ModelCIF file with pLDDT and N, C-alpha, C, O atoms, coordinates in Angstrom:
data_MODEL
#
_entry.id   MODEL 
#
_entity.id                         1 
_entity.type                       polymer 
_entity.pdbx_number_of_molecules   1 
#
_entity_poly.entity_id                      1 
_entity_poly.type                           'polypeptide(L)' 
_entity_poly.nstd_linkage                   no 
_entity_poly.nstd_monomer                   no 
_entity_poly.pdbx_seq_one_letter_code       YKRAAGLRPWDGKMWMAVGSCLQKMGRDRDGIKALKRALMAEAYYDE 
_entity_poly.pdbx_seq_one_letter_code_can   YKRAAGLRPWDGKMWMAVGSCLQKMGRDRDGIKALKRALMAEAYYDE 
_entity_poly.pdbx_strand_id                 A 
#
loop_
_entity_poly_seq.entity_id 
_entity_poly_seq.num 
_entity_poly_seq.mon_id 
_entity_poly_seq.hetero 
1 1  TYR n 
1 2  LYS n 
1 3  ARG n 
1 4  ALA n 
1 5  ALA n 
1 6  GLY n 
1 7  LEU n 
1 8  ARG n 
1 9  PRO n 
1 10 TRP n 
1 11 ASP n 
1 12 GLY n 
1 13 LYS n 
1 14 MET n 
1 15 TRP n 
1 16 MET n 
1 17 ALA n 
1 18 VAL n 
1 19 GLY n 
1 20 SER n 
1 21 CYS n 
1 22 LEU n 
1 23 GLN n 
1 24 LYS n 
1 25 MET n 
1 26 GLY n 
1 27 ARG n 
1 28 ASP n 
1 29 ARG n 
1 30 ASP n 
1 31 GLY n 
1 32 ILE n 
1 33 LYS n 
1 34 ALA n 
1 35 LEU n 
1 36 LYS n 
1 37 ARG n 
1 38 ALA n 
1 39 LEU n 
1 40 MET n 
1 41 ALA n 
1 42 GLU n 
1 43 ALA n 
1 44 TYR n 
1 45 TYR n 
1 46 ASP n 
1 47 GLU n 
#
_struct_asym.id          A 
_struct_asym.entity_id   1 
#
loop_
_ma_qa_metric.id 
_ma_qa_metric.mode 
_ma_qa_metric.name 
_ma_qa_metric.software_group_id 
_ma_qa_metric.type 
1 global pLDDT . pLDDT 
2 local  pLDDT . pLDDT 
#
_ma_qa_metric_global.metric_id      1 
_ma_qa_metric_global.metric_value   84.17 
_ma_qa_metric_global.model_id       1 
_ma_qa_metric_global.ordinal_id     1 
#
loop_
_ma_qa_metric_local.label_asym_id 
_ma_qa_metric_local.label_comp_id 
_ma_qa_metric_local.label_seq_id 
_ma_qa_metric_local.metric_id 
_ma_qa_metric_local.metric_value 
_ma_qa_metric_local.model_id 
_ma_qa_metric_local.ordinal_id 
A TYR 1  2 94.00 1 1  
A LYS 2  2 92.00 1 2  
A ARG 3  2 90.00 1 3  
A ALA 4  2 91.00 1 4  
A ALA 5  2 89.00 1 5  
A GLY 6  2 85.00 1 6  
A LEU 7  2 84.00 1 7  
A ARG 8  2 84.00 1 8  
A PRO 9  2 82.00 1 9  
A TRP 10 2 81.00 1 10 
A ASP 11 2 83.00 1 11 
A GLY 12 2 85.00 1 12 
A LYS 13 2 88.00 1 13 
A MET 14 2 90.00 1 14 
A TRP 15 2 91.00 1 15 
A MET 16 2 91.00 1 16 
A ALA 17 2 93.00 1 17 
A VAL 18 2 93.00 1 18 
A GLY 19 2 92.00 1 19 
A SER 20 2 91.00 1 20 
A CYS 21 2 93.00 1 21 
A LEU 22 2 93.00 1 22 
A GLN 23 2 90.00 1 23 
A LYS 24 2 91.00 1 24 
A MET 25 2 91.00 1 25 
A GLY 26 2 89.00 1 26 
A ARG 27 2 91.00 1 27 
A ASP 28 2 89.00 1 28 
A ARG 29 2 90.00 1 29 
A ASP 30 2 92.00 1 30 
A GLY 31 2 91.00 1 31 
A ILE 32 2 91.00 1 32 
A LYS 33 2 91.00 1 33 
A ALA 34 2 91.00 1 34 
A LEU 35 2 90.00 1 35 
A LYS 36 2 89.00 1 36 
A ARG 37 2 88.00 1 37 
A ALA 38 2 87.00 1 38 
A LEU 39 2 85.00 1 39 
A MET 40 2 81.00 1 40 
A ALA 41 2 77.00 1 41 
A GLU 42 2 69.00 1 42 
A ALA 43 2 64.00 1 43 
A TYR 44 2 53.00 1 44 
A TYR 45 2 52.00 1 45 
A ASP 46 2 40.00 1 46 
A GLU 47 2 39.00 1 47 
#
loop_
_atom_site.group_PDB 
_atom_site.id 
_atom_site.type_symbol 
_atom_site.label_atom_id 
_atom_site.label_alt_id 
_atom_site.label_comp_id 
_atom_site.label_asym_id 
_atom_site.label_entity_id 
_atom_site.label_seq_id 
_atom_site.pdbx_PDB_ins_code 
_atom_site.Cartn_x 
_atom_site.Cartn_y 
_atom_site.Cartn_z 
_atom_site.occupancy 
_atom_site.B_iso_or_equiv 
_atom_site.pdbx_formal_charge 
_atom_site.auth_seq_id 
_atom_site.auth_comp_id 
_atom_site.auth_asym_id 
_atom_site.auth_atom_id 
_atom_site.pdbx_PDB_model_num 
ATOM 1   N N  . TYR A 1 1  ? -64.378 -109.582 2.475   1.00 94.00 ? 1  TYR A N  1 
ATOM 2   C CA . TYR A 1 1  ? -65.649 -108.953 2.840   1.00 94.00 ? 1  TYR A CA 1 
ATOM 3   C C  . TYR A 1 1  ? -66.554 -109.941 3.588   1.00 94.00 ? 1  TYR A C  1 
ATOM 4   O O  . TYR A 1 1  ? -67.244 -109.565 4.536   1.00 94.00 ? 1  TYR A O  1 
ATOM 5   N N  . LYS A 1 2  ? -66.543 -111.186 3.160   1.00 92.00 ? 2  LYS A N  1 
ATOM 6   C CA . LYS A 1 2  ? -67.356 -112.191 3.851   1.00 92.00 ? 2  LYS A CA 1 
ATOM 7   C C  . LYS A 1 2  ? -66.884 -112.389 5.286   1.00 92.00 ? 2  LYS A C  1 
ATOM 8   O O  . LYS A 1 2  ? -67.694 -112.569 6.196   1.00 92.00 ? 2  LYS A O  1 
ATOM 9   N N  . ARG A 1 3  ? -65.567 -112.352 5.481   1.00 90.00 ? 3  ARG A N  1 
ATOM 10  C CA . ARG A 1 3  ? -65.061 -112.476 6.844   1.00 90.00 ? 3  ARG A CA 1 
ATOM 11  C C  . ARG A 1 3  ? -65.538 -111.301 7.705   1.00 90.00 ? 3  ARG A C  1 
ATOM 12  O O  . ARG A 1 3  ? -65.945 -111.491 8.851   1.00 90.00 ? 3  ARG A O  1 
ATOM 13  N N  . ALA A 1 4  ? -65.487 -110.107 7.154   1.00 91.00 ? 4  ALA A N  1 
ATOM 14  C CA . ALA A 1 4  ? -65.952 -108.930 7.899   1.00 91.00 ? 4  ALA A CA 1 
ATOM 15  C C  . ALA A 1 4  ? -67.440 -109.036 8.213   1.00 91.00 ? 4  ALA A C  1 
ATOM 16  O O  . ALA A 1 4  ? -67.866 -108.717 9.323   1.00 91.00 ? 4  ALA A O  1 
ATOM 17  N N  . ALA A 1 5  ? -68.235 -109.484 7.237   1.00 89.00 ? 5  ALA A N  1 
ATOM 18  C CA . ALA A 1 5  ? -69.680 -109.627 7.460   1.00 89.00 ? 5  ALA A CA 1 
ATOM 19  C C  . ALA A 1 5  ? -69.975 -110.707 8.486   1.00 89.00 ? 5  ALA A C  1 
ATOM 20  O O  . ALA A 1 5  ? -70.944 -110.599 9.238   1.00 89.00 ? 5  ALA A O  1 
ATOM 21  N N  . GLY A 1 6  ? -69.149 -111.750 8.524   1.00 85.00 ? 6  GLY A N  1 
ATOM 22  C CA . GLY A 1 6  ? -69.350 -112.794 9.519   1.00 85.00 ? 6  GLY A CA 1 
ATOM 23  C C  . GLY A 1 6  ? -69.112 -112.296 10.931  1.00 85.00 ? 6  GLY A C  1 
ATOM 24  O O  . GLY A 1 6  ? -69.770 -112.748 11.869  1.00 85.00 ? 6  GLY A O  1 
ATOM 25  N N  . LEU A 1 7  ? -68.168 -111.360 11.094  1.00 84.00 ? 7  LEU A N  1 
ATOM 26  C CA . LEU A 1 7  ? -67.889 -110.810 12.416  1.00 84.00 ? 7  LEU A CA 1 
ATOM 27  C C  . LEU A 1 7  ? -68.882 -109.719 12.801  1.00 84.00 ? 7  LEU A C  1 
ATOM 28  O O  . LEU A 1 7  ? -69.103 -109.475 13.988  1.00 84.00 ? 7  LEU A O  1 
ATOM 29  N N  . ARG A 1 8  ? -69.475 -109.069 11.825  1.00 84.00 ? 8  ARG A N  1 
ATOM 30  C CA . ARG A 1 8  ? -70.418 -107.977 12.092  1.00 84.00 ? 8  ARG A CA 1 
ATOM 31  C C  . ARG A 1 8  ? -71.639 -108.142 11.200  1.00 84.00 ? 8  ARG A C  1 
ATOM 32  O O  . ARG A 1 8  ? -71.853 -107.343 10.288  1.00 84.00 ? 8  ARG A O  1 
ATOM 33  N N  . PRO A 1 9  ? -72.442 -109.170 11.451  1.00 82.00 ? 9  PRO A N  1 
ATOM 34  C CA . PRO A 1 9  ? -73.533 -109.499 10.522  1.00 82.00 ? 9  PRO A CA 1 
ATOM 35  C C  . PRO A 1 9  ? -74.657 -108.487 10.507  1.00 82.00 ? 9  PRO A C  1 
ATOM 36  O O  . PRO A 1 9  ? -75.484 -108.515 9.595   1.00 82.00 ? 9  PRO A O  1 
ATOM 37  N N  . TRP A 1 10 ? -74.721 -107.586 11.489  1.00 81.00 ? 10 TRP A N  1 
ATOM 38  C CA . TRP A 1 10 ? -75.808 -106.607 11.493  1.00 81.00 ? 10 TRP A CA 1 
ATOM 39  C C  . TRP A 1 10 ? -75.331 -105.218 11.131  1.00 81.00 ? 10 TRP A C  1 
ATOM 40  O O  . TRP A 1 10 ? -75.950 -104.225 11.513  1.00 81.00 ? 10 TRP A O  1 
ATOM 41  N N  . ASP A 1 11 ? -74.242 -105.144 10.402  1.00 83.00 ? 11 ASP A N  1 
ATOM 42  C CA . ASP A 1 11 ? -73.765 -103.871 9.861   1.00 83.00 ? 11 ASP A CA 1 
ATOM 43  C C  . ASP A 1 11 ? -74.005 -103.888 8.357   1.00 83.00 ? 11 ASP A C  1 
ATOM 44  O O  . ASP A 1 11 ? -73.348 -104.627 7.624   1.00 83.00 ? 11 ASP A O  1 
ATOM 45  N N  . GLY A 1 12 ? -74.947 -103.074 7.906   1.00 85.00 ? 12 GLY A N  1 
ATOM 46  C CA . GLY A 1 12 ? -75.297 -103.079 6.489   1.00 85.00 ? 12 GLY A CA 1 
ATOM 47  C C  . GLY A 1 12 ? -74.148 -102.721 5.580   1.00 85.00 ? 12 GLY A C  1 
ATOM 48  O O  . GLY A 1 12 ? -74.129 -103.115 4.414   1.00 85.00 ? 12 GLY A O  1 
ATOM 49  N N  . LYS A 1 13 ? -73.177 -101.968 6.106   1.00 88.00 ? 13 LYS A N  1 
ATOM 50  C CA . LYS A 1 13 ? -72.031 -101.585 5.291   1.00 88.00 ? 13 LYS A CA 1 
ATOM 51  C C  . LYS A 1 13 ? -71.241 -102.804 4.831   1.00 88.00 ? 13 LYS A C  1 
ATOM 52  O O  . LYS A 1 13 ? -70.726 -102.836 3.713   1.00 88.00 ? 13 LYS A O  1 
ATOM 53  N N  . MET A 1 14 ? -71.149 -103.818 5.712   1.00 90.00 ? 14 MET A N  1 
ATOM 54  C CA . MET A 1 14 ? -70.423 -105.030 5.346   1.00 90.00 ? 14 MET A CA 1 
ATOM 55  C C  . MET A 1 14 ? -71.135 -105.763 4.209   1.00 90.00 ? 14 MET A C  1 
ATOM 56  O O  . MET A 1 14 ? -70.509 -106.202 3.244   1.00 90.00 ? 14 MET A O  1 
ATOM 57  N N  . TRP A 1 15 ? -72.458 -105.886 4.345   1.00 91.00 ? 15 TRP A N  1 
ATOM 58  C CA . TRP A 1 15 ? -73.227 -106.616 3.324   1.00 91.00 ? 15 TRP A CA 1 
ATOM 59  C C  . TRP A 1 15 ? -73.292 -105.843 2.013   1.00 91.00 ? 15 TRP A C  1 
ATOM 60  O O  . TRP A 1 15 ? -73.343 -106.439 0.937   1.00 91.00 ? 15 TRP A O  1 
ATOM 61  N N  . MET A 1 16 ? -73.292 -104.515 2.104   1.00 91.00 ? 16 MET A N  1 
ATOM 62  C CA . MET A 1 16 ? -73.297 -103.722 0.886   1.00 91.00 ? 16 MET A CA 1 
ATOM 63  C C  . MET A 1 16 ? -71.994 -103.932 0.117   1.00 91.00 ? 16 MET A C  1 
ATOM 64  O O  . MET A 1 16 ? -71.996 -103.997 -1.113  1.00 91.00 ? 16 MET A O  1 
ATOM 65  N N  . ALA A 1 17 ? -70.879 -104.039 0.849   1.00 93.00 ? 17 ALA A N  1 
ATOM 66  C CA . ALA A 1 17 ? -69.596 -104.300 0.190   1.00 93.00 ? 17 ALA A CA 1 
ATOM 67  C C  . ALA A 1 17 ? -69.603 -105.674 -0.477  1.00 93.00 ? 17 ALA A C  1 
ATOM 68  O O  . ALA A 1 17 ? -69.104 -105.835 -1.591  1.00 93.00 ? 17 ALA A O  1 
ATOM 69  N N  . VAL A 1 18 ? -70.178 -106.670 0.223   1.00 93.00 ? 18 VAL A N  1 
ATOM 70  C CA . VAL A 1 18 ? -70.267 -108.008 -0.364  1.00 93.00 ? 18 VAL A CA 1 
ATOM 71  C C  . VAL A 1 18 ? -71.116 -107.982 -1.631  1.00 93.00 ? 18 VAL A C  1 
ATOM 72  O O  . VAL A 1 18 ? -70.736 -108.563 -2.647  1.00 93.00 ? 18 VAL A O  1 
ATOM 73  N N  . GLY A 1 19 ? -72.272 -107.305 -1.570  1.00 92.00 ? 19 GLY A N  1 
ATOM 74  C CA . GLY A 1 19 ? -73.154 -107.258 -2.729  1.00 92.00 ? 19 GLY A CA 1 
ATOM 75  C C  . GLY A 1 19 ? -72.526 -106.546 -3.912  1.00 92.00 ? 19 GLY A C  1 
ATOM 76  O O  . GLY A 1 19 ? -72.660 -106.998 -5.049  1.00 92.00 ? 19 GLY A O  1 
ATOM 77  N N  . SER A 1 20 ? -71.841 -105.438 -3.661  1.00 91.00 ? 20 SER A N  1 
ATOM 78  C CA . SER A 1 20 ? -71.193 -104.705 -4.753  1.00 91.00 ? 20 SER A CA 1 
ATOM 79  C C  . SER A 1 20 ? -70.097 -105.540 -5.395  1.00 91.00 ? 20 SER A C  1 
ATOM 80  O O  . SER A 1 20 ? -69.917 -105.523 -6.613  1.00 91.00 ? 20 SER A O  1 
ATOM 81  N N  . CYS A 1 21 ? -69.368 -106.271 -4.562  1.00 93.00 ? 21 CYS A N  1 
ATOM 82  C CA . CYS A 1 21 ? -68.294 -107.114 -5.092  1.00 93.00 ? 21 CYS A CA 1 
ATOM 83  C C  . CYS A 1 21 ? -68.871 -108.245 -5.948  1.00 93.00 ? 21 CYS A C  1 
ATOM 84  O O  . CYS A 1 21 ? -68.335 -108.562 -7.010  1.00 93.00 ? 21 CYS A O  1 
ATOM 85  N N  . LEU A 1 22 ? -69.958 -108.847 -5.483  1.00 93.00 ? 22 LEU A N  1 
ATOM 86  C CA . LEU A 1 22 ? -70.594 -109.912 -6.257  1.00 93.00 ? 22 LEU A CA 1 
ATOM 87  C C  . LEU A 1 22 ? -71.126 -109.386 -7.583  1.00 93.00 ? 22 LEU A C  1 
ATOM 88  O O  . LEU A 1 22 ? -71.080 -110.080 -8.599  1.00 93.00 ? 22 LEU A O  1 
ATOM 89  N N  . GLN A 1 23 ? -71.629 -108.160 -7.567  1.00 90.00 ? 23 GLN A N  1 
ATOM 90  C CA . GLN A 1 23 ? -72.129 -107.563 -8.804  1.00 90.00 ? 23 GLN A CA 1 
ATOM 91  C C  . GLN A 1 23 ? -70.995 -107.391 -9.816  1.00 90.00 ? 23 GLN A C  1 
ATOM 92  O O  . GLN A 1 23 ? -71.173 -107.663 -11.004 1.00 90.00 ? 23 GLN A O  1 
ATOM 93  N N  . LYS A 1 24 ? -69.838 -106.943 -9.348  1.00 91.00 ? 24 LYS A N  1 
ATOM 94  C CA . LYS A 1 24 ? -68.701 -106.762 -10.245 1.00 91.00 ? 24 LYS A CA 1 
ATOM 95  C C  . LYS A 1 24 ? -68.190 -108.093 -10.779 1.00 91.00 ? 24 LYS A C  1 
ATOM 96  O O  . LYS A 1 24 ? -67.551 -108.138 -11.831 1.00 91.00 ? 24 LYS A O  1 
ATOM 97  N N  . MET A 1 25 ? -68.468 -109.176 -10.059 1.00 91.00 ? 25 MET A N  1 
ATOM 98  C CA . MET A 1 25 ? -68.059 -110.497 -10.518 1.00 91.00 ? 25 MET A CA 1 
ATOM 99  C C  . MET A 1 25 ? -69.106 -111.131 -11.429 1.00 91.00 ? 25 MET A C  1 
ATOM 100 O O  . MET A 1 25 ? -68.924 -112.251 -11.906 1.00 91.00 ? 25 MET A O  1 
ATOM 101 N N  . GLY A 1 26 ? -70.212 -110.405 -11.672 1.00 89.00 ? 26 GLY A N  1 
ATOM 102 C CA . GLY A 1 26 ? -71.259 -110.934 -12.532 1.00 89.00 ? 26 GLY A CA 1 
ATOM 103 C C  . GLY A 1 26 ? -72.219 -111.874 -11.835 1.00 89.00 ? 26 GLY A C  1 
ATOM 104 O O  . GLY A 1 26 ? -73.004 -112.555 -12.494 1.00 89.00 ? 26 GLY A O  1 
ATOM 105 N N  . ARG A 1 27 ? -72.172 -111.924 -10.515 1.00 91.00 ? 27 ARG A N  1 
ATOM 106 C CA . ARG A 1 27 ? -73.053 -112.815 -9.750  1.00 91.00 ? 27 ARG A CA 1 
ATOM 107 C C  . ARG A 1 27 ? -74.202 -111.968 -9.181  1.00 91.00 ? 27 ARG A C  1 
ATOM 108 O O  . ARG A 1 27 ? -74.279 -111.720 -7.978  1.00 91.00 ? 27 ARG A O  1 
ATOM 109 N N  . ASP A 1 28 ? -75.083 -111.537 -10.080 1.00 89.00 ? 28 ASP A N  1 
ATOM 110 C CA . ASP A 1 28 ? -76.122 -110.590 -9.695  1.00 89.00 ? 28 ASP A CA 1 
ATOM 111 C C  . ASP A 1 28 ? -77.113 -111.172 -8.694  1.00 89.00 ? 28 ASP A C  1 
ATOM 112 O O  . ASP A 1 28 ? -77.538 -110.475 -7.773  1.00 89.00 ? 28 ASP A O  1 
ATOM 113 N N  . ARG A 1 29 ? -77.484 -112.426 -8.859  1.00 90.00 ? 29 ARG A N  1 
ATOM 114 C CA . ARG A 1 29 ? -78.486 -113.006 -7.954  1.00 90.00 ? 29 ARG A CA 1 
ATOM 115 C C  . ARG A 1 29 ? -77.955 -113.059 -6.518  1.00 90.00 ? 29 ARG A C  1 
ATOM 116 O O  . ARG A 1 29 ? -78.662 -112.693 -5.579  1.00 90.00 ? 29 ARG A O  1 
ATOM 117 N N  . ASP A 1 30 ? -76.708 -113.515 -6.349  1.00 92.00 ? 30 ASP A N  1 
ATOM 118 C CA . ASP A 1 30 ? -76.119 -113.529 -5.008  1.00 92.00 ? 30 ASP A CA 1 
ATOM 119 C C  . ASP A 1 30 ? -75.922 -112.116 -4.489  1.00 92.00 ? 30 ASP A C  1 
ATOM 120 O O  . ASP A 1 30 ? -76.080 -111.858 -3.296  1.00 92.00 ? 30 ASP A O  1 
ATOM 121 N N  . GLY A 1 31 ? -75.577 -111.202 -5.388  1.00 91.00 ? 31 GLY A N  1 
ATOM 122 C CA . GLY A 1 31 ? -75.412 -109.814 -4.973  1.00 91.00 ? 31 GLY A CA 1 
ATOM 123 C C  . GLY A 1 31 ? -76.700 -109.212 -4.461  1.00 91.00 ? 31 GLY A C  1 
ATOM 124 O O  . GLY A 1 31 ? -76.689 -108.447 -3.496  1.00 91.00 ? 31 GLY A O  1 
ATOM 125 N N  . ILE A 1 32 ? -77.809 -109.547 -5.095  1.00 91.00 ? 32 ILE A N  1 
ATOM 126 C CA . ILE A 1 32 ? -79.117 -109.036 -4.644  1.00 91.00 ? 32 ILE A CA 1 
ATOM 127 C C  . ILE A 1 32 ? -79.421 -109.529 -3.232  1.00 91.00 ? 32 ILE A C  1 
ATOM 128 O O  . ILE A 1 32 ? -79.933 -108.774 -2.406  1.00 91.00 ? 32 ILE A O  1 
ATOM 129 N N  . LYS A 1 33 ? -79.109 -110.789 -2.955  1.00 91.00 ? 33 LYS A N  1 
ATOM 130 C CA . LYS A 1 33 ? -79.347 -111.323 -1.609  1.00 91.00 ? 33 LYS A CA 1 
ATOM 131 C C  . LYS A 1 33 ? -78.551 -110.547 -0.565  1.00 91.00 ? 33 LYS A C  1 
ATOM 132 O O  . LYS A 1 33 ? -79.066 -110.206 0.500   1.00 91.00 ? 33 LYS A O  1 
ATOM 133 N N  . ALA A 1 34 ? -77.286 -110.273 -0.888  1.00 91.00 ? 34 ALA A N  1 
ATOM 134 C CA . ALA A 1 34 ? -76.453 -109.545 0.070   1.00 91.00 ? 34 ALA A CA 1 
ATOM 135 C C  . ALA A 1 34 ? -76.958 -108.124 0.277   1.00 91.00 ? 34 ALA A C  1 
ATOM 136 O O  . ALA A 1 34 ? -76.967 -107.632 1.405   1.00 91.00 ? 34 ALA A O  1 
ATOM 137 N N  . LEU A 1 35 ? -77.373 -107.464 -0.784  1.00 90.00 ? 35 LEU A N  1 
ATOM 138 C CA . LEU A 1 35 ? -77.851 -106.090 -0.654  1.00 90.00 ? 35 LEU A CA 1 
ATOM 139 C C  . LEU A 1 35 ? -79.178 -106.019 0.093   1.00 90.00 ? 35 LEU A C  1 
ATOM 140 O O  . LEU A 1 35 ? -79.428 -105.056 0.818   1.00 90.00 ? 35 LEU A O  1 
ATOM 141 N N  . LYS A 1 36 ? -80.023 -107.018 -0.073  1.00 89.00 ? 36 LYS A N  1 
ATOM 142 C CA . LYS A 1 36 ? -81.261 -107.048 0.708   1.00 89.00 ? 36 LYS A CA 1 
ATOM 143 C C  . LYS A 1 36 ? -80.948 -107.239 2.193   1.00 89.00 ? 36 LYS A C  1 
ATOM 144 O O  . LYS A 1 36 ? -81.615 -106.680 3.064   1.00 89.00 ? 36 LYS A O  1 
ATOM 145 N N  . ARG A 1 37 ? -79.919 -108.039 2.456   1.00 88.00 ? 37 ARG A N  1 
ATOM 146 C CA . ARG A 1 37 ? -79.487 -108.188 3.852   1.00 88.00 ? 37 ARG A CA 1 
ATOM 147 C C  . ARG A 1 37 ? -78.966 -106.853 4.394   1.00 88.00 ? 37 ARG A C  1 
ATOM 148 O O  . ARG A 1 37 ? -79.163 -106.530 5.566   1.00 88.00 ? 37 ARG A O  1 
ATOM 149 N N  . ALA A 1 38 ? -78.301 -106.085 3.529   1.00 87.00 ? 38 ALA A N  1 
ATOM 150 C CA . ALA A 1 38 ? -77.833 -104.761 3.947   1.00 87.00 ? 38 ALA A CA 1 
ATOM 151 C C  . ALA A 1 38 ? -79.003 -103.852 4.293   1.00 87.00 ? 38 ALA A C  1 
ATOM 152 O O  . ALA A 1 38 ? -78.931 -103.086 5.254   1.00 87.00 ? 38 ALA A O  1 
ATOM 153 N N  . LEU A 1 39 ? -80.080 -103.932 3.516   1.00 85.00 ? 39 LEU A N  1 
ATOM 154 C CA . LEU A 1 39 ? -81.273 -103.132 3.814   1.00 85.00 ? 39 LEU A CA 1 
ATOM 155 C C  . LEU A 1 39 ? -81.844 -103.485 5.182   1.00 85.00 ? 39 LEU A C  1 
ATOM 156 O O  . LEU A 1 39 ? -82.207 -102.605 5.963   1.00 85.00 ? 39 LEU A O  1 
ATOM 157 N N  . MET A 1 40 ? -81.919 -104.775 5.460   1.00 81.00 ? 40 MET A N  1 
ATOM 158 C CA . MET A 1 40 ? -82.450 -105.210 6.750   1.00 81.00 ? 40 MET A CA 1 
ATOM 159 C C  . MET A 1 40 ? -81.564 -104.725 7.887   1.00 81.00 ? 40 MET A C  1 
ATOM 160 O O  . MET A 1 40 ? -82.058 -104.281 8.923   1.00 81.00 ? 40 MET A O  1 
ATOM 161 N N  . ALA A 1 41 ? -80.254 -104.812 7.688   1.00 77.00 ? 41 ALA A N  1 
ATOM 162 C CA . ALA A 1 41 ? -79.329 -104.408 8.743   1.00 77.00 ? 41 ALA A CA 1 
ATOM 163 C C  . ALA A 1 41 ? -79.410 -102.915 8.995   1.00 77.00 ? 41 ALA A C  1 
ATOM 164 O O  . ALA A 1 41 ? -79.464 -102.485 10.148  1.00 77.00 ? 41 ALA A O  1 
ATOM 165 N N  . GLU A 1 42 ? -79.420 -102.112 7.930   1.00 69.00 ? 42 GLU A N  1 
ATOM 166 C CA . GLU A 1 42 ? -79.446 -100.670 8.103   1.00 69.00 ? 42 GLU A CA 1 
ATOM 167 C C  . GLU A 1 42 ? -80.739 -100.191 8.743   1.00 69.00 ? 42 GLU A C  1 
ATOM 168 O O  . GLU A 1 42 ? -80.773 -99.100  9.314   1.00 69.00 ? 42 GLU A O  1 
ATOM 169 N N  . ALA A 1 43 ? -81.797 -100.979 8.661   1.00 64.00 ? 43 ALA A N  1 
ATOM 170 C CA . ALA A 1 43 ? -83.063 -100.577 9.278   1.00 64.00 ? 43 ALA A CA 1 
ATOM 171 C C  . ALA A 1 43 ? -82.955 -100.505 10.791  1.00 64.00 ? 43 ALA A C  1 
ATOM 172 O O  . ALA A 1 43 ? -83.755 -99.827  11.436  1.00 64.00 ? 43 ALA A O  1 
ATOM 173 N N  . TYR A 1 44 ? -81.967 -101.202 11.371  1.00 53.00 ? 44 TYR A N  1 
ATOM 174 C CA . TYR A 1 44 ? -81.822 -101.215 12.819  1.00 53.00 ? 44 TYR A CA 1 
ATOM 175 C C  . TYR A 1 44 ? -80.881 -100.142 13.324  1.00 53.00 ? 44 TYR A C  1 
ATOM 176 O O  . TYR A 1 44 ? -80.660 -100.041 14.531  1.00 53.00 ? 44 TYR A O  1 
ATOM 177 N N  . TYR A 1 45 ? -80.323 -99.342  12.438  1.00 52.00 ? 45 TYR A N  1 
ATOM 178 C CA . TYR A 1 45 ? -79.389 -98.307  12.854  1.00 52.00 ? 45 TYR A CA 1 
ATOM 179 C C  . TYR A 1 45 ? -79.933 -96.943  12.446  1.00 52.00 ? 45 TYR A C  1 
ATOM 180 O O  . TYR A 1 45 ? -80.502 -96.788  11.366  1.00 52.00 ? 45 TYR A O  1 
ATOM 181 N N  . ASP A 1 46 ? -79.756 -95.967  13.312  1.00 40.00 ? 46 ASP A N  1 
ATOM 182 C CA . ASP A 1 46 ? -80.195 -94.608  13.012  1.00 40.00 ? 46 ASP A CA 1 
ATOM 183 C C  . ASP A 1 46 ? -79.049 -93.733  12.535  1.00 40.00 ? 46 ASP A C  1 
ATOM 184 O O  . ASP A 1 46 ? -79.253 -92.765  11.803  1.00 40.00 ? 46 ASP A O  1 
ATOM 185 N N  . GLU A 1 47 ? -77.814 -94.094  12.971  1.00 39.00 ? 47 GLU A N  1 
ATOM 186 C CA . GLU A 1 47 ? -76.679 -93.249  12.650  1.00 39.00 ? 47 GLU A CA 1 
ATOM 187 C C  . GLU A 1 47 ? -75.784 -93.950  11.635  1.00 39.00 ? 47 GLU A C  1 
ATOM 188 O O  . GLU A 1 47 ? -74.761 -93.399  11.230  1.00 39.00 ? 47 GLU A O  1 
#
């Protein structure tokens, strides 16, 4: 997922996948950072 996010850093879907994966690993603080990045990315897309 990190590799995908590195290639497409402004696609919120990539960061959402990273955040969800971190949450399942118990790394909530890092997961929150990734999900906030997903929010920022999705703000630039309408579709």
